[in-house]
């Protein structure tokens, strides 16, 4: 059974590229374009991993990460994939429960390595 990944980002080009690449690798991909939609999809789809942007409309990625990590056993890994590069942004993401923090622009191979490690 293929693993399910939730991608939440308001940059539709990033969502499209990730969806195509991850589906080529036999992952099931669920997408959302804002934090509220991401939370609803998380609850209904029960993904094995979430990839979140921090600067999301309606609910920011750090808040969404806190909700995901507060749900159930805290076992869903979260990768923050963001253009925010300040040390404080990274610290806030890890405080919210993020497992990995990757800056945009990013190397696809680097992201895929983290995905494999987190949900293998």
Protein backbone atom coordinates (compact mmCIF):
# COMPACT_ATOMS: atom_id res chain seq x y z
CA UNK A 1 0.00 0.00 0.00
CA UNK A 2 1.44 3.36 -0.96
CA UNK A 3 2.11 6.00 1.67
CA UNK A 4 -0.01 9.14 1.72
CA UNK A 5 1.54 12.63 1.82
CA UNK A 6 -0.29 15.88 2.52
CA UNK A 7 1.20 18.93 0.76
CA UNK A 8 -0.01 22.33 2.00
CA UNK A 9 1.30 25.36 0.12
CA UNK A 10 -0.33 28.42 -1.43
CA UNK A 11 2.24 28.41 -4.28
CA UNK A 12 0.32 26.27 -6.75
CA UNK A 13 3.36 25.64 -8.96
CA UNK A 14 5.21 24.04 -6.02
CA UNK A 15 2.17 21.92 -5.17
CA UNK A 16 1.87 20.77 -8.79
CA UNK A 17 5.57 19.87 -9.10
CA UNK A 18 5.58 17.99 -5.78
CA UNK A 19 2.38 16.13 -6.63
CA UNK A 20 3.74 14.98 -10.00
CA UNK A 21 7.13 13.91 -8.60
CA UNK A 22 5.73 12.14 -5.54
CA UNK A 23 3.07 10.31 -7.53
CA UNK A 24 5.79 9.11 -9.93
CA UNK A 25 7.41 7.54 -6.85
CA UNK A 26 4.11 5.79 -5.96
CA UNK A 27 3.05 8.07 -3.11
CA UNK A 28 -0.60 9.11 -2.82
CA UNK A 29 -0.67 12.92 -2.64
CA UNK A 30 -3.37 15.06 -1.05
CA UNK A 31 -3.08 18.84 -1.45
CA UNK A 32 -4.38 22.00 0.18
CA UNK A 33 -3.72 25.68 -0.52
CA UNK A 34 -4.30 27.16 2.96
CA UNK A 35 -3.94 26.15 6.59
CA UNK A 36 -7.64 25.61 7.29
CA UNK A 37 -8.04 23.35 4.26
CA UNK A 38 -4.82 21.57 5.24
CA UNK A 39 -6.18 20.83 8.71
CA UNK A 40 -9.45 19.48 7.31
CA UNK A 41 -7.58 17.29 4.81
CA UNK A 42 -5.25 16.06 7.57
CA UNK A 43 -8.20 14.96 9.71
CA UNK A 44 -10.08 13.31 6.86
CA UNK A 45 -7.18 11.74 4.94
CA UNK A 46 -4.87 10.66 7.82
CA UNK A 47 -1.61 11.12 5.84
CA UNK A 48 1.65 9.37 6.71
CA UNK A 49 3.58 12.65 6.34
CA UNK A 50 2.82 16.37 5.90
CA UNK A 51 4.83 18.92 3.93
CA UNK A 52 3.89 22.45 5.00
CA UNK A 53 4.76 25.99 4.02
CA UNK A 54 4.94 28.45 6.93
CA UNK A 55 3.39 31.49 5.22
CA UNK A 56 -0.07 30.06 4.54
CA UNK A 57 -3.35 31.98 4.31
CA UNK A 58 -6.05 31.48 6.99
CA UNK A 59 -3.77 29.49 9.35
CA UNK A 60 0.03 29.61 9.27
CA UNK A 61 2.15 26.49 8.91
CA UNK A 62 3.48 26.61 12.47
CA UNK A 63 -0.06 26.55 13.88
CA UNK A 64 -1.04 23.76 11.51
CA UNK A 65 2.07 21.80 12.56
CA UNK A 66 1.10 22.21 16.25
CA UNK A 67 -2.39 20.88 15.49
CA UNK A 68 -0.99 17.91 13.55
CA UNK A 69 1.48 17.08 16.31
CA UNK A 70 -1.23 17.46 18.95
CA UNK A 71 -3.51 15.02 17.15
CA UNK A 72 -3.34 11.42 18.35
CA UNK A 73 0.10 10.01 19.02
CA UNK A 74 2.20 12.85 17.53
CA UNK A 75 3.55 10.31 15.09
CA UNK A 76 2.87 12.06 11.77
CA UNK A 77 6.17 13.51 10.56
CA UNK A 78 6.12 17.12 9.36
CA UNK A 79 8.53 18.72 6.88
CA UNK A 80 8.49 22.51 6.73
CA UNK A 81 9.26 23.57 3.16
CA UNK A 82 9.46 27.34 3.22
CA UNK A 83 11.02 30.48 1.86
CA UNK A 84 11.47 31.83 5.38
CA UNK A 85 15.19 31.82 6.10
CA UNK A 86 15.56 33.56 9.45
CA UNK A 87 16.86 31.55 12.40
CA UNK A 88 13.78 32.59 14.42
CA UNK A 89 11.49 31.11 11.78
CA UNK A 90 13.34 27.82 11.99
CA UNK A 91 13.24 27.83 15.79
CA UNK A 92 9.49 28.51 15.76
CA UNK A 93 8.93 25.63 13.34
CA UNK A 94 10.84 23.19 15.53
CA UNK A 95 8.98 24.45 18.63
CA UNK A 96 5.74 23.71 16.76
CA UNK A 97 6.95 20.12 16.28
CA UNK A 98 8.46 20.10 12.79
CA UNK A 99 10.77 17.15 12.13
CA UNK A 100 12.65 18.73 9.20
CA UNK A 101 13.07 22.32 7.96
CA UNK A 102 13.98 22.88 4.31
CA UNK A 103 14.42 26.28 2.68
CA UNK A 104 13.08 27.17 -0.77
CA UNK A 105 14.52 26.95 -3.31
CA UNK A 106 15.32 23.35 -2.51
CA UNK A 107 16.94 20.33 -4.08
CA UNK A 108 14.29 17.71 -4.90
CA UNK A 109 16.72 14.89 -4.05
CA UNK A 110 17.32 16.42 -0.60
CA UNK A 111 13.56 16.58 0.06
CA UNK A 112 13.02 13.03 -1.20
CA UNK A 113 15.79 11.71 1.06
CA UNK A 114 14.02 13.21 4.08
CA UNK A 115 10.64 11.81 2.98
CA UNK A 116 12.10 8.32 2.63
CA UNK A 117 13.77 8.49 6.05
CA UNK A 118 10.63 9.74 7.77
CA UNK A 119 8.11 7.28 6.34
CA UNK A 120 10.09 4.21 5.37
